[in-house]
Amino acid sequence: MSIATLADILEIPGFYKDANCVGENQDLFFPDRGGSTVKAKAICKDCDVREECLEFAVERKERFGIWGGKSERERRAIRRERRQKQEKKS
């Protein structure tokens, strides 16, 4: 029998423990509509797991927050670009 960890239950990605945002005010990464994302993106800029974080959010179609230094709008553009590239290959 396997006992799930809290991280498993909450679906916390494995890379998170190495992220620059650990210990930061999470409100920076989930600003109110129209709020500034500058500080969050600055924290992400030099993060060792930025690419993993971004890919996690893109794959999950995460609708809120700054992930891997990108906003939801920027991640949506990444998905659209990937979809268009895939359609051209078909």
C-alpha atoms as a PDB file:
ATOM      1  CA  MET A   1       0.000   0.000   0.000  1.00  0.00           C
ATOM      2  CA  SER A   2       1.321   3.435  -0.961  1.00  0.00           C
ATOM      3  CA  ILE A   3       0.668   6.551   1.058  1.00  0.00           C
ATOM      4  CA  ALA A   4       0.339   9.732  -0.967  1.00  0.00           C
ATOM      5  CA  THR A   5       2.354  12.716   0.144  1.00  0.00           C
ATOM      6  CA  LEU A   6       0.776  16.123   0.608  1.00  0.00           C
ATOM      7  CA  ALA A   7       2.695  17.304  -2.483  1.00  0.00           C
ATOM      8  CA  ASP A   8       1.062  14.504  -4.498  1.00  0.00           C
ATOM      9  CA  ILE A   9      -2.407  15.338  -3.211  1.00  0.00           C
ATOM     10  CA  LEU A  10      -1.957  19.037  -3.950  1.00  0.00           C
ATOM     11  CA  GLU A  11      -0.331  18.213  -7.307  1.00  0.00           C
ATOM     12  CA  ILE A  12       2.773  20.249  -6.499  1.00  0.00           C
ATOM     13  CA  PRO A  13       5.238  19.666  -9.334  1.00  0.00           C
ATOM     14  CA  GLY A  14       8.597  18.145  -8.422  1.00  0.00           C
ATOM     15  CA  PHE A  15      10.581  21.065  -9.824  1.00  0.00           C
ATOM     16  CA  TYR A  16       8.903  23.511  -7.447  1.00  0.00           C
ATOM     17  CA  LYS A  17      11.308  22.826  -4.593  1.00  0.00           C
ATOM     18  CA  ASP A  18      14.136  24.286  -6.721  1.00  0.00           C
ATOM     19  CA  ALA A  19      12.204  27.322  -7.959  1.00  0.00           C
ATOM     20  CA  ASN A  20      13.181  30.905  -7.140  1.00  0.00           C
ATOM     21  CA  CYS A  21       9.604  31.633  -6.094  1.00  0.00           C
ATOM     22  CA  VAL A  22       9.746  29.321  -3.080  1.00  0.00           C
ATOM     23  CA  GLY A  23       9.363  31.506  -0.020  1.00  0.00           C
ATOM     24  CA  GLU A  24       8.253  34.536  -2.035  1.00  0.00           C
ATOM     25  CA  ASN A  25       4.865  36.154  -1.583  1.00  0.00           C
ATOM     26  CA  GLN A  26       2.679  34.102  -3.917  1.00  0.00           C
ATOM     27  CA  ASP A  27       0.403  37.101  -4.471  1.00  0.00           C
ATOM     28  CA  LEU A  28       3.169  38.468  -6.718  1.00  0.00           C
ATOM     29  CA  PHE A  29       2.552  35.567  -9.091  1.00  0.00           C
ATOM     30  CA  PHE A  30      -1.235  35.883  -9.021  1.00  0.00           C
ATOM     31  CA  PRO A  31      -1.870  39.624  -9.299  1.00  0.00           C
ATOM     32  CA  ASP A  32      -5.320  41.131  -9.539  1.00  0.00           C
ATOM     33  CA  ARG A  33      -6.532  41.822 -13.050  1.00  0.00           C
ATOM     34  CA  GLY A  34      -4.442  44.676 -14.430  1.00  0.00           C
ATOM     35  CA  GLY A  35      -1.914  44.338 -11.584  1.00  0.00           C
ATOM     36  CA  SER A  36       1.816  44.443 -12.159  1.00  0.00           C
ATOM     37  CA  THR A  37       3.686  41.268 -13.106  1.00  0.00           C
ATOM     38  CA  VAL A  38       7.111  42.926 -13.153  1.00  0.00           C
ATOM     39  CA  LYS A  39       8.361  41.577  -9.805  1.00  0.00           C
ATOM     40  CA  ALA A  40       7.166  38.029 -10.479  1.00  0.00           C
ATOM     41  CA  LYS A  41       8.756  37.983 -13.929  1.00  0.00           C
ATOM     42  CA  ALA A  42      12.009  39.329 -12.471  1.00  0.00           C
ATOM     43  CA  ILE A  43      12.072  36.471  -9.952  1.00  0.00           C
ATOM     44  CA  CYS A  44      11.429  33.951 -12.739  1.00  0.00           C
ATOM     45  CA  LYS A  45      14.048  35.444 -15.056  1.00  0.00           C
ATOM     46  CA  ASP A  46      17.042  33.713 -13.474  1.00  0.00           C
ATOM     47  CA  CYS A  47      15.237  30.643 -12.146  1.00  0.00           C
ATOM     48  CA  ASP A  48      16.890  27.289 -12.832  1.00  0.00           C
ATOM     49  CA  VAL A  49      13.528  25.581 -13.396  1.00  0.00           C
ATOM     50  CA  ARG A  50      11.871  28.323 -15.457  1.00  0.00           C
ATOM     51  CA  GLU A  51      11.481  26.187 -18.582  1.00  0.00           C
ATOM     52  CA  GLU A  52      10.007  23.255 -16.630  1.00  0.00           C
ATOM     53  CA  CYS A  53       7.614  25.609 -14.874  1.00  0.00           C
ATOM     54  CA  LEU A  54       6.510  27.206 -18.123  1.00  0.00           C
ATOM     55  CA  GLU A  55       6.003  23.839 -19.808  1.00  0.00           C
ATOM     56  CA  PHE A  56       3.989  22.617 -16.819  1.00  0.00           C
ATOM     57  CA  ALA A  57       1.639  25.593 -17.121  1.00  0.00           C
ATOM     58  CA  VAL A  58       1.367  25.409 -20.916  1.00  0.00           C
ATOM     59  CA  GLU A  59       0.537  21.689 -20.859  1.00  0.00           C
ATOM     60  CA  ARG A  60      -2.074  22.120 -18.110  1.00  0.00           C
ATOM     61  CA  LYS A  61      -3.552  25.189 -19.816  1.00  0.00           C
ATOM     62  CA  GLU A  62      -3.090  27.062 -16.557  1.00  0.00           C
ATOM     63  CA  ARG A  63      -5.345  30.107 -16.736  1.00  0.00           C
ATOM     64  CA  PHE A  64      -4.007  32.141 -13.845  1.00  0.00           C
ATOM     65  CA  GLY A  65      -0.721  33.518 -12.633  1.00  0.00           C
ATOM     66  CA  ILE A  66       2.823  33.901 -13.785  1.00  0.00           C
ATOM     67  CA  TRP A  67       4.465  30.563 -14.579  1.00  0.00           C
ATOM     68  CA  GLY A  68       7.958  30.312 -16.021  1.00  0.00           C
ATOM     69  CA  GLY A  69       8.017  34.077 -16.380  1.00  0.00           C
ATOM     70  CA  LYS A  70       4.977  34.171 -18.671  1.00  0.00           C
ATOM     71  CA  SER A  71       1.440  35.458 -18.161  1.00  0.00           C
ATOM     72  CA  GLU A  72      -1.672  33.558 -19.190  1.00  0.00           C
ATOM     73  CA  ARG A  73      -1.888  35.635 -22.366  1.00  0.00           C
ATOM     74  CA  GLU A  74       1.735  34.808 -23.248  1.00  0.00           C
ATOM     75  CA  ARG A  75       1.178  31.105 -22.559  1.00  0.00           C
ATOM     76  CA  ARG A  76      -1.946  31.151 -24.724  1.00  0.00           C
ATOM     77  CA  ALA A  77       0.176  32.591 -27.561  1.00  0.00           C
ATOM     78  CA  ILE A  78       2.703  29.774 -27.075  1.00  0.00           C
ATOM     79  CA  ARG A  79      -0.056  27.161 -27.326  1.00  0.00           C
ATOM     80  CA  ARG A  80      -1.469  28.854 -30.434  1.00  0.00           C
ATOM     81  CA  GLU A  81       1.972  28.962 -32.068  1.00  0.00           C
ATOM     82  CA  ARG A  82       2.572  25.284 -31.297  1.00  0.00           C
ATOM     83  CA  ARG A  83      -0.854  24.361 -32.658  1.00  0.00           C
ATOM     84  CA  GLN A  84      -0.170  26.279 -35.886  1.00  0.00           C
ATOM     85  CA  LYS A  85       3.187  24.565 -36.312  1.00  0.00           C
ATOM     86  CA  GLN A  86       1.541  21.186 -35.787  1.00  0.00           C
ATOM     87  CA  GLU A  87      -1.167  21.996 -38.332  1.00  0.00           C
ATOM     88  CA  LYS A  88       1.464  22.952 -40.927  1.00  0.00           C
ATOM     89  CA  LYS A  89       3.163  19.578 -40.428  1.00  0.00           C
ATOM     90  CA  SER A  90      -0.115  17.757 -41.122  1.00  0.00           C
END
